[in-house]
């Protein structure tokens, strides 16, 4: 009786037809590049790329801040004397250094 139960169990295995003849293998997703690089290498490469991206974004932000500051001083120069604008620049630079 156990022999018949094993034969029926194997008959209903995936990929087997009812009459016991083999049918196609169960398909898996086609991933040709999967498993070629180790997880640690992948994580290191992604973290390095993230660091480069972070530096690039920071450089863009610094450039924008410098541009805004330059425009602000130009706007002040239209209203005030040149020497007073220079004095304010130096004072703000000192305050910025003291704060940081």
Protein backbone atom coordinates (compact mmCIF):
# COMPACT_ATOMS: atom_id res chain seq x y z
CA UNK A 1 0.00 0.00 0.00
CA UNK A 2 2.89 2.37 0.68
CA UNK A 3 4.27 1.71 -2.80
CA UNK A 4 1.05 2.92 -4.42
CA UNK A 5 0.92 6.04 -2.27
CA UNK A 6 4.47 7.01 -3.27
CA UNK A 7 3.73 6.48 -6.95
CA UNK A 8 0.64 8.72 -6.76
CA UNK A 9 2.61 11.35 -4.84
CA UNK A 10 5.31 11.38 -7.49
CA UNK A 11 2.66 11.51 -10.22
CA UNK A 12 1.40 14.83 -8.86
CA UNK A 13 4.87 16.34 -8.55
CA UNK A 14 5.30 19.60 -10.43
CA UNK A 15 6.32 18.99 -14.01
CA UNK A 16 4.86 15.46 -14.15
CA UNK A 17 1.75 14.61 -16.12
CA UNK A 18 -0.95 12.31 -14.80
CA UNK A 19 0.24 9.39 -16.88
CA UNK A 20 3.74 9.70 -15.38
CA UNK A 21 5.45 11.06 -18.49
CA UNK A 22 7.85 13.96 -17.92
CA UNK A 23 6.65 17.36 -19.09
CA UNK A 24 8.61 20.63 -19.19
CA UNK A 25 10.75 21.64 -16.23
CA UNK A 26 9.26 24.38 -14.03
CA UNK A 27 10.57 27.67 -15.37
CA UNK A 28 12.55 30.19 -13.37
CA UNK A 29 13.21 33.84 -14.14
CA UNK A 30 16.05 34.42 -16.61
CA UNK A 31 18.65 36.48 -14.79
CA UNK A 32 21.98 36.22 -16.61
CA UNK A 33 23.86 38.59 -14.28
CA UNK A 34 22.48 37.24 -11.00
CA UNK A 35 25.04 35.87 -8.60
CA UNK A 36 28.08 37.18 -10.46
CA UNK A 37 29.19 39.63 -7.79
CA UNK A 38 29.08 39.00 -4.09
CA UNK A 39 26.72 40.92 -1.85
CA UNK A 40 29.57 42.61 0.03
CA UNK A 41 31.11 43.89 -3.21
CA UNK A 42 27.75 45.13 -4.41
CA UNK A 43 27.07 46.96 -1.14
CA UNK A 44 30.54 48.52 -1.19
CA UNK A 45 30.08 49.69 -4.78
CA UNK A 46 26.64 51.15 -4.05
CA UNK A 47 27.87 52.95 -0.92
CA UNK A 48 30.79 54.39 -2.89
CA UNK A 49 28.40 55.61 -5.61
CA UNK A 50 26.16 57.14 -2.93
CA UNK A 51 29.15 58.97 -1.44
CA UNK A 52 30.12 60.39 -4.84
CA UNK A 53 26.52 61.48 -5.42
CA UNK A 54 26.40 63.10 -1.98
CA UNK A 55 29.63 65.04 -2.68
CA UNK A 56 28.32 66.20 -6.06
CA UNK A 57 25.04 67.39 -4.52
CA UNK A 58 26.95 69.22 -1.77
CA UNK A 59 29.16 70.94 -4.36
CA UNK A 60 26.05 72.11 -6.24
CA UNK A 61 24.52 73.43 -3.00
CA UNK A 62 27.74 75.28 -2.12
CA UNK A 63 27.89 76.88 -5.57
CA UNK A 64 24.27 78.00 -5.28
CA UNK A 65 24.88 79.48 -1.83
CA UNK A 66 27.96 81.36 -3.07
CA UNK A 67 26.02 82.67 -6.06
CA UNK A 68 23.14 83.86 -3.86
CA UNK A 69 25.58 85.57 -1.50
CA UNK A 70 27.34 87.27 -4.41
CA UNK A 71 24.01 88.51 -5.79
CA UNK A 72 23.04 89.77 -2.35
CA UNK A 73 26.26 91.78 -2.03
CA UNK A 74 25.81 93.19 -5.54
CA UNK A 75 22.31 94.29 -4.59
CA UNK A 76 23.70 95.92 -1.44
CA UNK A 77 26.42 97.63 -3.48
CA UNK A 78 23.76 99.34 -5.59
CA UNK A 79 22.31 100.97 -2.48
CA UNK A 80 25.46 101.55 -0.35
CA UNK A 81 29.01 102.72 -0.77
CA UNK A 82 31.60 100.17 -1.84
CA UNK A 83 33.65 100.46 1.37
CA UNK A 84 30.62 99.85 3.57
CA UNK A 85 29.72 96.71 1.59
CA UNK A 86 33.30 95.44 2.00
CA UNK A 87 33.11 96.11 5.74
CA UNK A 88 29.82 94.19 6.02
CA UNK A 89 31.34 91.29 4.07
CA UNK A 90 34.25 91.07 6.48
CA UNK A 91 31.96 91.30 9.51
CA UNK A 92 29.67 88.54 8.22
CA UNK A 93 32.67 86.36 7.43
CA UNK A 94 33.97 86.81 10.99
CA UNK A 95 30.56 85.98 12.46
CA UNK A 96 30.26 82.91 10.27
CA UNK A 97 33.67 81.67 11.44
CA UNK A 98 32.76 82.30 15.09
CA UNK A 99 29.49 80.38 14.76
CA UNK A 100 31.08 77.32 13.20
